[in-house]
Structures are given as structure tokens and as C-alpha cells.
Amino acid sequence: MKTVEQLKTRIQELGREAAQFSRQAVETSKTNREQSKTLMQRAKEASKRCQVLIQELKRQNT
């Protein structure tokens, strides 16, 4: 089980990662659709992991 601070740090990291992948996908979409799809999928996965950790954080705080 991770501490609250570890969870918060990881949530922030995953949020930044998801945003970065999303931005890269938008930039790439004009030239390479396939790579853009892959980047958007990675952004979605990072976002899902982030949401799971947010739920875990909420459980620990109750």
C-alpha cells in the first residue's frame, strides 16, 4: 500500500504523462494518423491509471 504522498505524486505524474501524449497525438495527427492513434491510446491508458489512483486516494482518506 502506498502512502498518501506517494499516491499524490504518482497521480500528478500520470496526469502530466496523459496530457503530454495527448498533445503529441494532436501534433502528429496532421502527418501520421497511425502514430497519433497510438499516442491517444497511451494517453487514455495513463488517464485510466490516474483515475484508479485517485479512487485509491479517496478510499484512504475516508
PDB file of N, CA and C in Angstrom:
ATOM      1  N   MET A   1       0.849  -1.180   0.000  1.00  0.00           N
ATOM      2  CA  MET A   1       0.000   0.000   0.000  1.00  0.00           C
ATOM      3  C   MET A   1       0.891   1.238   0.000  1.00  0.00           C
ATOM      4  N   LYS A   2       0.578   2.174  -0.866  1.00  0.00           N
ATOM      5  CA  LYS A   2       1.361   3.397  -0.967  1.00  0.00           C
ATOM      6  C   LYS A   2       0.846   4.441   0.012  1.00  0.00           C
ATOM      7  N   THR A   3       1.743   5.327   0.392  1.00  0.00           N
ATOM      8  CA  THR A   3       1.335   6.420   1.274  1.00  0.00           C
ATOM      9  C   THR A   3       0.553   7.452   0.463  1.00  0.00           C
ATOM     10  N   VAL A   4      -0.131   8.328   1.178  1.00  0.00           N
ATOM     11  CA  VAL A   4      -0.923   9.367   0.533  1.00  0.00           C
ATOM     12  C   VAL A   4      -0.027  10.243  -0.343  1.00  0.00           C
ATOM     13  N   GLU A   5       1.137  10.607   0.155  1.00  0.00           N
ATOM     14  CA  GLU A   5       2.051  11.457  -0.616  1.00  0.00           C
ATOM     15  C   GLU A   5       2.535  10.755  -1.880  1.00  0.00           C
ATOM     16  N   GLN A   6       2.828   9.461  -1.776  1.00  0.00           N
ATOM     17  CA  GLN A   6       3.252   8.701  -2.956  1.00  0.00           C
ATOM     18  C   GLN A   6       2.133   8.654  -3.990  1.00  0.00           C
ATOM     19  N   LEU A   7       0.903   8.456  -3.537  1.00  0.00           N
ATOM     20  CA  LEU A   7      -0.232   8.425  -4.454  1.00  0.00           C
ATOM     21  C   LEU A   7      -0.408   9.775  -5.153  1.00  0.00           C
ATOM     22  N   LYS A   8      -0.331  10.849  -4.387  1.00  0.00           N
ATOM     23  CA  LYS A   8      -0.493  12.185  -4.968  1.00  0.00           C
ATOM     24  C   LYS A   8       0.580  12.463  -6.016  1.00  0.00           C
ATOM     25  N   THR A   9       1.810  12.085  -5.701  1.00  0.00           N
ATOM     26  CA  THR A   9       2.911  12.296  -6.639  1.00  0.00           C
ATOM     27  C   THR A   9       2.685  11.500  -7.918  1.00  0.00           C
ATOM     28  N   ARG A  10       2.297  10.251  -7.777  1.00  0.00           N
ATOM     29  CA  ARG A  10       2.078   9.399  -8.956  1.00  0.00           C
ATOM     30  C   ARG A  10       0.885   9.894  -9.776  1.00  0.00           C
ATOM     31  N   ILE A  11      -0.152  10.369  -9.115  1.00  0.00           N
ATOM     32  CA  ILE A  11      -1.319  10.920  -9.819  1.00  0.00           C
ATOM     33  C   ILE A  11      -0.890  12.114 -10.668  1.00  0.00           C
ATOM     34  N   GLN A  12      -0.066  12.982 -10.104  1.00  0.00           N
ATOM     35  CA  GLN A  12       0.426  14.141 -10.850  1.00  0.00           C
ATOM     36  C   GLN A  12       1.274  13.707 -12.047  1.00  0.00           C
ATOM     37  N   GLU A  13       2.132  12.712 -11.835  1.00  0.00           N
ATOM     38  CA  GLU A  13       2.977  12.218 -12.922  1.00  0.00           C
ATOM     39  C   GLU A  13       2.135  11.656 -14.057  1.00  0.00           C
ATOM     40  N   LEU A  14       1.143  10.837 -13.705  1.00  0.00           N
ATOM     41  CA  LEU A  14       0.294  10.237 -14.730  1.00  0.00           C
ATOM     42  C   LEU A  14      -0.542  11.285 -15.454  1.00  0.00           C
ATOM     43  N   GLY A  15      -0.993  12.290 -14.743  1.00  0.00           N
ATOM     44  CA  GLY A  15      -1.748  13.366 -15.372  1.00  0.00           C
ATOM     45  C   GLY A  15      -0.904  14.115 -16.394  1.00  0.00           C
ATOM     46  N   ARG A  16       0.330  14.413 -16.017  1.00  0.00           N
ATOM     47  CA  ARG A  16       1.237  15.091 -16.957  1.00  0.00           C
ATOM     48  C   ARG A  16       1.531  14.195 -18.161  1.00  0.00           C
ATOM     49  N   GLU A  17       1.726  12.898 -17.890  1.00  0.00           N
ATOM     50  CA  GLU A  17       2.008  11.947 -18.965  1.00  0.00           C
ATOM     51  C   GLU A  17       0.837  11.884 -19.952  1.00  0.00           C
ATOM     52  N   ALA A  18      -0.373  11.796 -19.428  1.00  0.00           N
ATOM     53  CA  ALA A  18      -1.564  11.736 -20.286  1.00  0.00           C
ATOM     54  C   ALA A  18      -1.674  13.001 -21.131  1.00  0.00           C
ATOM     55  N   ALA A  19      -1.448  14.145 -20.524  1.00  0.00           N
ATOM     56  CA  ALA A  19      -1.535  15.413 -21.258  1.00  0.00           C
ATOM     57  C   ALA A  19      -0.458  15.486 -22.343  1.00  0.00           C
ATOM     58  N   GLN A  20       0.727  15.035 -22.014  1.00  0.00           N
ATOM     59  CA  GLN A  20       1.825  15.061 -22.982  1.00  0.00           C
ATOM     60  C   GLN A  20       1.512  14.166 -24.182  1.00  0.00           C
ATOM     61  N   PHE A  21       1.049  12.951 -23.923  1.00  0.00           N
ATOM     62  CA  PHE A  21       0.698  12.041 -25.018  1.00  0.00           C
ATOM     63  C   PHE A  21      -0.407  12.637 -25.877  1.00  0.00           C
ATOM     64  N   SER A  22      -1.370  13.257 -25.245  1.00  0.00           N
ATOM     65  CA  SER A  22      -2.476  13.861 -25.979  1.00  0.00           C
ATOM     66  C   SER A  22      -1.981  14.995 -26.883  1.00  0.00           C
ATOM     67  N   ARG A  23      -1.130  15.864 -26.345  1.00  0.00           N
ATOM     68  CA  ARG A  23      -0.570  16.956 -27.154  1.00  0.00           C
ATOM     69  C   ARG A  23       0.237  16.412 -28.336  1.00  0.00           C
ATOM     70  N   GLN A  24       1.036  15.383 -28.065  1.00  0.00           N
ATOM     71  CA  GLN A  24       1.839  14.791 -29.137  1.00  0.00           C
ATOM     72  C   GLN A  24       0.937  14.189 -30.211  1.00  0.00           C
ATOM     73  N   ALA A  25      -0.161  13.577 -29.785  1.00  0.00           N
ATOM     74  CA  ALA A  25      -1.091  12.972 -30.737  1.00  0.00           C
ATOM     75  C   ALA A  25      -1.705  14.029 -31.648  1.00  0.00           C
ATOM     76  N   VAL A  26      -2.072  15.157 -31.068  1.00  0.00           N
ATOM     77  CA  VAL A  26      -2.652  16.237 -31.864  1.00  0.00           C
ATOM     78  C   VAL A  26      -1.632  16.758 -32.876  1.00  0.00           C
ATOM     79  N   GLU A  27      -0.399  16.951 -32.437  1.00  0.00           N
ATOM     80  CA  GLU A  27       0.645  17.440 -33.342  1.00  0.00           C
ATOM     81  C   GLU A  27       0.928  16.434 -34.458  1.00  0.00           C
ATOM     82  N   THR A  28       0.911  15.152 -34.112  1.00  0.00           N
ATOM     83  CA  THR A  28       1.253  14.103 -35.054  1.00  0.00           C
ATOM     84  C   THR A  28       0.103  13.788 -36.006  1.00  0.00           C
ATOM     85  N   SER A  29      -1.115  14.077 -35.600  1.00  0.00           N
ATOM     86  CA  SER A  29      -2.288  13.682 -36.386  1.00  0.00           C
ATOM     87  C   SER A  29      -2.267  14.254 -37.802  1.00  0.00           C
ATOM     88  N   LYS A  30      -1.620  15.374 -37.982  1.00  0.00           N
ATOM     89  CA  LYS A  30      -1.585  16.001 -39.301  1.00  0.00           C
ATOM     90  C   LYS A  30      -0.699  15.241 -40.278  1.00  0.00           C
ATOM     91  N   THR A  31       0.282  14.527 -39.753  1.00  0.00           N
ATOM     92  CA  THR A  31       1.246  13.856 -40.630  1.00  0.00           C
ATOM     93  C   THR A  31       1.188  12.331 -40.555  1.00  0.00           C
ATOM     94  N   ASN A  32       0.843  11.783 -39.379  1.00  0.00           N
ATOM     95  CA  ASN A  32       0.898  10.333 -39.210  1.00  0.00           C
ATOM     96  C   ASN A  32      -0.284   9.871 -38.354  1.00  0.00           C
ATOM     97  N   ARG A  33      -1.360   9.449 -39.004  1.00  0.00           N
ATOM     98  CA  ARG A  33      -2.580   9.059 -38.297  1.00  0.00           C
ATOM     99  C   ARG A  33      -2.354   7.853 -37.376  1.00  0.00           C
ATOM    100  N   GLU A  34      -1.581   6.905 -37.838  1.00  0.00           N
ATOM    101  CA  GLU A  34      -1.369   5.677 -37.061  1.00  0.00           C
ATOM    102  C   GLU A  34      -0.637   5.986 -35.758  1.00  0.00           C
ATOM    103  N   GLN A  35       0.403   6.777 -35.841  1.00  0.00           N
ATOM    104  CA  GLN A  35       1.152   7.139 -34.638  1.00  0.00           C
ATOM    105  C   GLN A  35       0.279   7.986 -33.708  1.00  0.00           C
ATOM    106  N   SER A  36      -0.552   8.827 -34.289  1.00  0.00           N
ATOM    107  CA  SER A  36      -1.456   9.652 -33.500  1.00  0.00           C
ATOM    108  C   SER A  36      -2.431   8.775 -32.708  1.00  0.00           C
ATOM    109  N   LYS A  37      -2.965   7.750 -33.340  1.00  0.00           N
ATOM    110  CA  LYS A  37      -3.874   6.820 -32.646  1.00  0.00           C
ATOM    111  C   LYS A  37      -3.170   6.134 -31.483  1.00  0.00           C
ATOM    112  N   THR A  38      -1.937   5.716 -31.708  1.00  0.00           N
ATOM    113  CA  THR A  38      -1.160   5.051 -30.662  1.00  0.00           C
ATOM    114  C   THR A  38      -0.928   5.988 -29.478  1.00  0.00           C
ATOM    115  N   LEU A  39      -0.587   7.226 -29.776  1.00  0.00           N
ATOM    116  CA  LEU A  39      -0.354   8.197 -28.709  1.00  0.00           C
ATOM    117  C   LEU A  39      -1.635   8.482 -27.927  1.00  0.00           C
ATOM    118  N   MET A  40      -2.757   8.584 -28.622  1.00  0.00           N
ATOM    119  CA  MET A  40      -4.030   8.821 -27.935  1.00  0.00           C
ATOM    120  C   MET A  40      -4.396   7.626 -27.047  1.00  0.00           C
ATOM    121  N   GLN A  41      -4.093   6.426 -27.507  1.00  0.00           N
ATOM    122  CA  GLN A  41      -4.345   5.233 -26.696  1.00  0.00           C
ATOM    123  C   GLN A  41      -3.491   5.267 -25.430  1.00  0.00           C
ATOM    124  N   ARG A  42      -2.238   5.671 -25.565  1.00  0.00           N
ATOM    125  CA  ARG A  42      -1.355   5.768 -24.397  1.00  0.00           C
ATOM    126  C   ARG A  42      -1.856   6.835 -23.428  1.00  0.00           C
ATOM    127  N   ALA A  43      -2.369   7.937 -23.969  1.00  0.00           N
ATOM    128  CA  ALA A  43      -2.930   8.994 -23.118  1.00  0.00           C
ATOM    129  C   ALA A  43      -4.145   8.468 -22.360  1.00  0.00           C
ATOM    130  N   LYS A  44      -4.977   7.708 -23.036  1.00  0.00           N
ATOM    131  CA  LYS A  44      -6.173   7.134 -22.411  1.00  0.00           C
ATOM    132  C   LYS A  44      -5.793   6.162 -21.299  1.00  0.00           C
ATOM    133  N   GLU A  45      -4.792   5.332 -21.540  1.00  0.00           N
ATOM    134  CA  GLU A  45      -4.351   4.370 -20.531  1.00  0.00           C
ATOM    135  C   GLU A  45      -3.768   5.079 -19.307  1.00  0.00           C
ATOM    136  N   ALA A  46      -2.978   6.111 -19.538  1.00  0.00           N
ATOM    137  CA  ALA A  46      -2.401   6.871 -18.423  1.00  0.00           C
ATOM    138  C   ALA A  46      -3.517   7.535 -17.613  1.00  0.00           C
ATOM    139  N   SER A  47      -4.515   8.037 -18.317  1.00  0.00           N
ATOM    140  CA  SER A  47      -5.651   8.674 -17.646  1.00  0.00           C
ATOM    141  C   SER A  47      -6.421   7.667 -16.790  1.00  0.00           C
ATOM    142  N   LYS A  48      -6.612   6.479 -17.313  1.00  0.00           N
ATOM    143  CA  LYS A  48      -7.312   5.430 -16.556  1.00  0.00           C
ATOM    144  C   LYS A  48      -6.535   5.060 -15.295  1.00  0.00           C
ATOM    145  N   ARG A  49      -5.218   4.908 -15.423  1.00  0.00           N
ATOM    146  CA  ARG A  49      -4.393   4.579 -14.254  1.00  0.00           C
ATOM    147  C   ARG A  49      -4.465   5.703 -13.227  1.00  0.00           C
ATOM    148  N   CYS A  50      -4.480   6.914 -13.719  1.00  0.00           N
ATOM    149  CA  CYS A  50      -4.590   8.083 -12.840  1.00  0.00           C
ATOM    150  C   CYS A  50      -5.915   8.027 -12.071  1.00  0.00           C
ATOM    151  N   GLN A  51      -7.006   7.718 -12.745  1.00  0.00           N
ATOM    152  CA  GLN A  51      -8.317   7.642 -12.101  1.00  0.00           C
ATOM    153  C   GLN A  51      -8.359   6.547 -11.039  1.00  0.00           C
ATOM    154  N   VAL A  52      -7.707   5.414 -11.308  1.00  0.00           N
ATOM    155  CA  VAL A  52      -7.649   4.325 -10.335  1.00  0.00           C
ATOM    156  C   VAL A  52      -6.930   4.791  -9.070  1.00  0.00           C
ATOM    157  N   LEU A  53      -5.831   5.512  -9.255  1.00  0.00           N
ATOM    158  CA  LEU A  53      -5.082   6.003  -8.096  1.00  0.00           C
ATOM    159  C   LEU A  53      -5.871   7.068  -7.332  1.00  0.00           C
ATOM    160  N   ILE A  54      -6.633   7.880  -8.035  1.00  0.00           N
ATOM    161  CA  ILE A  54      -7.481   8.870  -7.362  1.00  0.00           C
ATOM    162  C   ILE A  54      -8.511   8.171  -6.492  1.00  0.00           C
ATOM    163  N   GLN A  55      -9.102   7.097  -6.999  1.00  0.00           N
ATOM    164  CA  GLN A  55     -10.075   6.331  -6.214  1.00  0.00           C
ATOM    165  C   GLN A  55      -9.407   5.725  -4.979  1.00  0.00           C
ATOM    166  N   GLU A  56      -8.184   5.208  -5.147  1.00  0.00           N
ATOM    167  CA  GLU A  56      -7.440   4.650  -4.023  1.00  0.00           C
ATOM    168  C   GLU A  56      -7.169   5.732  -2.977  1.00  0.00           C
ATOM    169  N   LEU A  57      -6.791   6.907  -3.430  1.00  0.00           N
ATOM    170  CA  LEU A  57      -6.547   8.031  -2.519  1.00  0.00           C
ATOM    171  C   LEU A  57      -7.811   8.388  -1.744  1.00  0.00           C
ATOM    172  N   LYS A  58      -8.932   8.404  -2.438  1.00  0.00           N
ATOM    173  CA  LYS A  58     -10.204   8.703  -1.772  1.00  0.00           C
ATOM    174  C   LYS A  58     -10.529   7.643  -0.711  1.00  0.00           C
ATOM    175  N   ARG A  59     -10.271   6.381  -1.042  1.00  0.00           N
ATOM    176  CA  ARG A  59     -10.528   5.296  -0.064  1.00  0.00           C
ATOM    177  C   ARG A  59      -9.664   5.462   1.179  1.00  0.00           C
ATOM    178  N   GLN A  60      -8.423   5.853   0.986  1.00  0.00           N
ATOM    179  CA  GLN A  60      -7.515   6.003   2.132  1.00  0.00           C
ATOM    180  C   GLN A  60      -7.911   7.195   3.010  1.00  0.00           C
ATOM    181  N   ASN A  61      -8.551   8.186   2.424  1.00  0.00           N
ATOM    182  CA  ASN A  61      -8.905   9.387   3.170  1.00  0.00           C
ATOM    183  C   ASN A  61     -10.246   9.268   3.881  1.00  0.00           C
ATOM    184  N   THR A  62     -10.949   8.160   3.687  1.00  0.00           N
ATOM    185  CA  THR A  62     -12.258   8.021   4.361  1.00  0.00           C
ATOM    186  C   THR A  62     -12.146   7.225   5.623  1.00  0.00           C
TER     187      THR A  62
END
